[in-house]
Amino acid sequence: MKPTSKLVHHVFFWLKNPGSKADLAQLLAGIRGLAQIETVRSVHVGVPASTEKRDVVENSYSASELLTFDDVEGQNIYQVHPLHKKFVAECSHLWSKVVVFDSISA
């Protein structure tokens, strides 16, 4: 397979109230809205899978988003886009922690 020159933006969210179905639903809806940003090429919105418990598996997060962009510039546009700013303004009160992993094809 031929590698692509895509940038992957993987974000993990920990809710302040991890037992709240309403908070999780609001966060997931907000994340899904980010797909409307023109530089986003693909979106995966997820919650921890019920996979085998192993030392290397991190599943304490509440939700995650996996977005791809053509390049760093596309991700830069996303960061300042009004829809991204709206998402942060409307949903940041829901989370206690956010961790971001950005990678580019090698």
N, C-alpha and C. Protein backbone atom coordinates (compact mmCIF):
# COMPACT_ATOMS: atom_id res chain seq x y z
N MET A 1 0.83 -1.18 0.00
CA MET A 1 0.00 0.00 0.00
C MET A 1 0.88 1.24 0.00
N LYS A 2 0.43 2.23 -0.73
CA LYS A 2 1.16 3.48 -0.82
C LYS A 2 0.74 4.43 0.30
N PRO A 3 1.69 4.97 1.08
CA PRO A 3 1.31 5.89 2.17
C PRO A 3 0.75 7.20 1.61
N THR A 4 -0.16 7.81 2.35
CA THR A 4 -0.70 9.10 1.97
C THR A 4 -0.01 10.19 2.78
N SER A 5 -0.17 11.41 2.35
CA SER A 5 0.45 12.53 3.08
C SER A 5 -0.59 13.20 3.96
N LYS A 6 -1.35 12.42 4.66
CA LYS A 6 -2.41 12.95 5.51
C LYS A 6 -1.91 13.21 6.93
N LEU A 7 -2.56 14.18 7.56
CA LEU A 7 -2.33 14.45 8.97
C LEU A 7 -3.50 13.85 9.73
N VAL A 8 -3.19 13.13 10.80
CA VAL A 8 -4.20 12.52 11.66
C VAL A 8 -4.22 13.28 12.98
N HIS A 9 -5.41 13.69 13.38
CA HIS A 9 -5.64 14.46 14.61
C HIS A 9 -6.53 13.60 15.50
N HIS A 10 -5.96 13.02 16.56
CA HIS A 10 -6.71 12.12 17.44
C HIS A 10 -6.81 12.78 18.80
N VAL A 11 -8.04 13.00 19.25
CA VAL A 11 -8.29 13.72 20.49
C VAL A 11 -9.09 12.83 21.44
N PHE A 12 -8.66 12.77 22.68
CA PHE A 12 -9.33 11.99 23.72
C PHE A 12 -9.86 12.95 24.77
N PHE A 13 -11.12 12.74 25.19
CA PHE A 13 -11.81 13.60 26.15
C PHE A 13 -12.19 12.79 27.39
N TRP A 14 -11.96 13.37 28.55
CA TRP A 14 -12.42 12.81 29.83
C TRP A 14 -13.50 13.75 30.35
N LEU A 15 -14.71 13.25 30.54
CA LEU A 15 -15.80 14.07 31.04
C LEU A 15 -15.63 14.37 32.53
N LYS A 16 -16.08 15.55 32.94
CA LYS A 16 -16.11 15.89 34.36
C LYS A 16 -17.08 14.97 35.10
N ASN A 17 -18.17 14.63 34.43
CA ASN A 17 -19.20 13.75 34.99
C ASN A 17 -19.29 12.50 34.10
N PRO A 18 -18.36 11.57 34.25
CA PRO A 18 -18.30 10.44 33.33
C PRO A 18 -19.54 9.56 33.32
N GLY A 19 -20.35 9.62 34.35
CA GLY A 19 -21.57 8.82 34.38
C GLY A 19 -22.77 9.48 33.72
N SER A 20 -22.60 10.72 33.25
CA SER A 20 -23.72 11.47 32.69
C SER A 20 -23.92 11.14 31.20
N LYS A 21 -25.02 10.49 30.91
CA LYS A 21 -25.34 10.17 29.51
C LYS A 21 -25.65 11.44 28.73
N ALA A 22 -26.24 12.42 29.39
CA ALA A 22 -26.56 13.69 28.73
C ALA A 22 -25.29 14.44 28.34
N ASP A 23 -24.31 14.48 29.24
CA ASP A 23 -23.04 15.15 28.93
C ASP A 23 -22.33 14.45 27.78
N LEU A 24 -22.32 13.12 27.81
CA LEU A 24 -21.68 12.37 26.73
C LEU A 24 -22.39 12.63 25.41
N ALA A 25 -23.71 12.63 25.41
CA ALA A 25 -24.47 12.88 24.18
C ALA A 25 -24.18 14.27 23.63
N GLN A 26 -24.09 15.27 24.51
CA GLN A 26 -23.78 16.63 24.06
C GLN A 26 -22.38 16.70 23.46
N LEU A 27 -21.41 16.05 24.11
CA LEU A 27 -20.05 16.04 23.59
C LEU A 27 -19.98 15.35 22.24
N LEU A 28 -20.60 14.19 22.11
CA LEU A 28 -20.57 13.46 20.85
C LEU A 28 -21.23 14.25 19.73
N ALA A 29 -22.34 14.92 20.03
CA ALA A 29 -23.00 15.75 19.02
C ALA A 29 -22.09 16.90 18.59
N GLY A 30 -21.42 17.50 19.55
CA GLY A 30 -20.50 18.58 19.23
C GLY A 30 -19.35 18.11 18.36
N ILE A 31 -18.79 16.96 18.68
CA ILE A 31 -17.70 16.40 17.87
C ILE A 31 -18.18 16.13 16.45
N ARG A 32 -19.36 15.53 16.32
CA ARG A 32 -19.89 15.21 14.98
C ARG A 32 -20.05 16.47 14.14
N GLY A 33 -20.37 17.59 14.77
CA GLY A 33 -20.52 18.84 14.04
C GLY A 33 -19.23 19.32 13.39
N LEU A 34 -18.09 18.87 13.90
CA LEU A 34 -16.79 19.28 13.34
C LEU A 34 -16.58 18.74 11.93
N ALA A 35 -17.33 17.71 11.55
CA ALA A 35 -17.21 17.12 10.21
C ALA A 35 -17.59 18.12 9.12
N GLN A 36 -18.32 19.16 9.47
CA GLN A 36 -18.74 20.17 8.50
C GLN A 36 -17.62 21.12 8.08
N ILE A 37 -16.51 21.10 8.79
CA ILE A 37 -15.39 21.99 8.46
C ILE A 37 -14.76 21.48 7.17
N GLU A 38 -14.58 22.38 6.22
CA GLU A 38 -14.21 22.00 4.86
C GLU A 38 -12.86 21.30 4.72
N THR A 39 -11.95 21.48 5.64
CA THR A 39 -10.65 20.83 5.50
C THR A 39 -10.61 19.45 6.14
N VAL A 40 -11.66 19.06 6.84
CA VAL A 40 -11.74 17.73 7.45
C VAL A 40 -12.04 16.72 6.35
N ARG A 41 -11.21 15.70 6.21
CA ARG A 41 -11.37 14.69 5.16
C ARG A 41 -12.09 13.44 5.63
N SER A 42 -11.93 13.07 6.89
CA SER A 42 -12.65 11.93 7.44
C SER A 42 -12.80 12.13 8.94
N VAL A 43 -13.84 11.49 9.49
CA VAL A 43 -14.16 11.64 10.91
C VAL A 43 -14.51 10.27 11.48
N HIS A 44 -13.98 10.00 12.66
CA HIS A 44 -14.42 8.85 13.45
C HIS A 44 -14.68 9.37 14.85
N VAL A 45 -15.89 9.16 15.35
CA VAL A 45 -16.27 9.57 16.69
C VAL A 45 -16.48 8.29 17.48
N GLY A 46 -15.81 8.17 18.64
CA GLY A 46 -15.90 6.91 19.35
C GLY A 46 -15.94 7.04 20.86
N VAL A 47 -16.23 5.92 21.47
CA VAL A 47 -16.18 5.74 22.92
C VAL A 47 -15.34 4.49 23.16
N PRO A 48 -14.85 4.26 24.38
CA PRO A 48 -14.00 3.11 24.63
C PRO A 48 -14.67 1.79 24.22
N ALA A 49 -13.90 0.96 23.56
CA ALA A 49 -14.39 -0.36 23.13
C ALA A 49 -14.27 -1.35 24.28
N SER A 50 -15.09 -2.36 24.25
CA SER A 50 -15.05 -3.42 25.27
C SER A 50 -14.07 -4.51 24.82
N THR A 51 -12.82 -4.11 24.68
CA THR A 51 -11.79 -5.06 24.26
C THR A 51 -11.10 -5.63 25.49
N GLU A 52 -10.24 -6.58 25.24
CA GLU A 52 -9.50 -7.23 26.33
C GLU A 52 -8.75 -6.21 27.17
N LYS A 53 -8.82 -6.36 28.47
CA LYS A 53 -8.11 -5.47 29.40
C LYS A 53 -6.64 -5.91 29.46
N ARG A 54 -5.76 -5.02 29.01
CA ARG A 54 -4.32 -5.27 29.04
C ARG A 54 -3.62 -4.02 29.54
N ASP A 55 -2.41 -4.16 30.02
CA ASP A 55 -1.66 -3.02 30.54
C ASP A 55 -1.46 -1.92 29.52
N VAL A 56 -1.40 -2.25 28.24
CA VAL A 56 -1.14 -1.26 27.20
C VAL A 56 -2.40 -0.57 26.69
N VAL A 57 -3.56 -1.00 27.14
CA VAL A 57 -4.83 -0.43 26.67
C VAL A 57 -5.28 0.68 27.61
N GLU A 58 -5.44 1.87 27.06
CA GLU A 58 -5.94 3.03 27.81
C GLU A 58 -7.41 3.19 27.45
N ASN A 59 -8.29 2.99 28.41
CA ASN A 59 -9.72 3.14 28.12
C ASN A 59 -10.44 3.94 29.20
N SER A 60 -9.72 4.81 29.88
CA SER A 60 -10.35 5.62 30.92
C SER A 60 -11.01 6.88 30.37
N TYR A 61 -10.83 7.15 29.08
CA TYR A 61 -11.42 8.34 28.47
C TYR A 61 -12.92 8.12 28.24
N SER A 62 -13.63 9.21 27.98
CA SER A 62 -15.07 9.14 27.75
C SER A 62 -15.43 9.09 26.28
N ALA A 63 -14.68 9.82 25.44
CA ALA A 63 -14.98 9.90 24.01
C ALA A 63 -13.71 10.28 23.27
N SER A 64 -13.71 10.00 21.97
CA SER A 64 -12.57 10.40 21.15
C SER A 64 -13.04 10.81 19.77
N GLU A 65 -12.21 11.62 19.14
CA GLU A 65 -12.43 11.98 17.74
C GLU A 65 -11.14 11.69 16.99
N LEU A 66 -11.29 11.17 15.79
CA LEU A 66 -10.16 10.93 14.91
C LEU A 66 -10.49 11.64 13.60
N LEU A 67 -9.76 12.70 13.32
CA LEU A 67 -9.98 13.49 12.11
C LEU A 67 -8.76 13.39 11.22
N THR A 68 -8.97 13.40 9.91
CA THR A 68 -7.83 13.46 9.00
C THR A 68 -7.93 14.72 8.15
N PHE A 69 -6.75 15.21 7.79
CA PHE A 69 -6.60 16.40 6.97
C PHE A 69 -5.59 16.08 5.88
N ASP A 70 -5.63 16.84 4.80
CA ASP A 70 -4.65 16.64 3.73
C ASP A 70 -3.24 16.98 4.17
N ASP A 71 -3.14 17.97 5.06
CA ASP A 71 -1.82 18.46 5.45
C ASP A 71 -1.94 19.32 6.71
N VAL A 72 -0.81 19.83 7.17
CA VAL A 72 -0.77 20.66 8.37
C VAL A 72 -1.60 21.94 8.17
N GLU A 73 -1.54 22.51 7.00
CA GLU A 73 -2.31 23.72 6.74
C GLU A 73 -3.81 23.48 6.91
N GLY A 74 -4.30 22.33 6.46
CA GLY A 74 -5.71 22.00 6.65
C GLY A 74 -6.08 21.91 8.11
N GLN A 75 -5.17 21.36 8.91
CA GLN A 75 -5.42 21.26 10.35
C GLN A 75 -5.35 22.65 10.99
N ASN A 76 -4.46 23.50 10.51
CA ASN A 76 -4.37 24.87 11.03
C ASN A 76 -5.66 25.64 10.77
N ILE A 77 -6.23 25.46 9.58
CA ILE A 77 -7.50 26.11 9.24
C ILE A 77 -8.60 25.62 10.18
N TYR A 78 -8.63 24.33 10.44
CA TYR A 78 -9.60 23.72 11.35
C TYR A 78 -9.52 24.35 12.74
N GLN A 79 -8.31 24.55 13.24
CA GLN A 79 -8.13 25.06 14.61
C GLN A 79 -8.77 26.43 14.82
N VAL A 80 -8.77 27.28 13.80
CA VAL A 80 -9.31 28.63 13.95
C VAL A 80 -10.69 28.78 13.30
N HIS A 81 -11.23 27.70 12.77
CA HIS A 81 -12.53 27.74 12.11
C HIS A 81 -13.63 28.08 13.12
N PRO A 82 -14.63 28.88 12.72
CA PRO A 82 -15.72 29.23 13.63
C PRO A 82 -16.46 28.02 14.22
N LEU A 83 -16.62 26.94 13.47
CA LEU A 83 -17.29 25.76 14.01
C LEU A 83 -16.46 25.08 15.10
N HIS A 84 -15.13 25.08 14.96
CA HIS A 84 -14.28 24.52 16.00
C HIS A 84 -14.33 25.41 17.24
N LYS A 85 -14.28 26.71 17.05
CA LYS A 85 -14.35 27.64 18.19
C LYS A 85 -15.71 27.50 18.90
N LYS A 86 -16.78 27.31 18.13
CA LYS A 86 -18.11 27.12 18.71
C LYS A 86 -18.15 25.83 19.53
N PHE A 87 -17.55 24.75 18.99
CA PHE A 87 -17.50 23.49 19.71
C PHE A 87 -16.81 23.66 21.05
N VAL A 88 -15.66 24.32 21.06
CA VAL A 88 -14.92 24.54 22.31
C VAL A 88 -15.75 25.38 23.28
N ALA A 89 -16.38 26.44 22.77
CA ALA A 89 -17.18 27.32 23.64
C ALA A 89 -18.37 26.58 24.24
N GLU A 90 -19.00 25.71 23.46
CA GLU A 90 -20.22 25.04 23.92
C GLU A 90 -19.97 23.75 24.70
N CYS A 91 -18.79 23.16 24.53
CA CYS A 91 -18.56 21.84 25.14
C CYS A 91 -17.42 21.79 26.15
N SER A 92 -16.56 22.79 26.21
CA SER A 92 -15.39 22.70 27.08
C SER A 92 -15.77 22.57 28.56
N HIS A 93 -16.94 23.03 28.95
CA HIS A 93 -17.36 22.90 30.34
C HIS A 93 -17.63 21.43 30.71
N LEU A 94 -17.76 20.57 29.69
CA LEU A 94 -18.09 19.16 29.93
C LEU A 94 -16.87 18.33 30.32
N TRP A 95 -15.68 18.71 29.87
CA TRP A 95 -14.52 17.85 30.07
C TRP A 95 -13.58 18.36 31.15
N SER A 96 -12.90 17.38 31.76
CA SER A 96 -11.90 17.70 32.77
C SER A 96 -10.49 17.58 32.20
N LYS A 97 -10.36 16.86 31.09
CA LYS A 97 -9.05 16.62 30.51
C LYS A 97 -9.22 16.33 29.02
N VAL A 98 -8.25 16.81 28.24
CA VAL A 98 -8.20 16.54 26.81
C VAL A 98 -6.75 16.23 26.46
N VAL A 99 -6.55 15.17 25.68
CA VAL A 99 -5.21 14.83 25.20
C VAL A 99 -5.28 14.71 23.68
N VAL A 100 -4.32 15.34 23.00
CA VAL A 100 -4.30 15.36 21.54
C VAL A 100 -3.04 14.66 21.03
N PHE A 101 -3.23 13.80 20.03
CA PHE A 101 -2.12 13.16 19.32
C PHE A 101 -2.25 13.54 17.86
N ASP A 102 -1.28 14.28 17.33
CA ASP A 102 -1.24 14.62 15.90
C ASP A 102 -0.10 13.87 15.27
N SER A 103 -0.36 13.26 14.12
CA SER A 103 0.73 12.58 13.41
C SER A 103 0.57 12.80 11.91
N ILE A 104 1.70 12.74 11.22
CA ILE A 104 1.74 12.88 9.77
C ILE A 104 2.37 11.62 9.22
N SER A 105 1.92 11.22 8.04
CA SER A 105 2.46 10.00 7.44
C SER A 105 3.97 10.07 7.31
N ALA A 106 4.64 8.96 7.62
CA ALA A 106 6.10 8.92 7.53
C ALA A 106 6.53 8.23 6.24
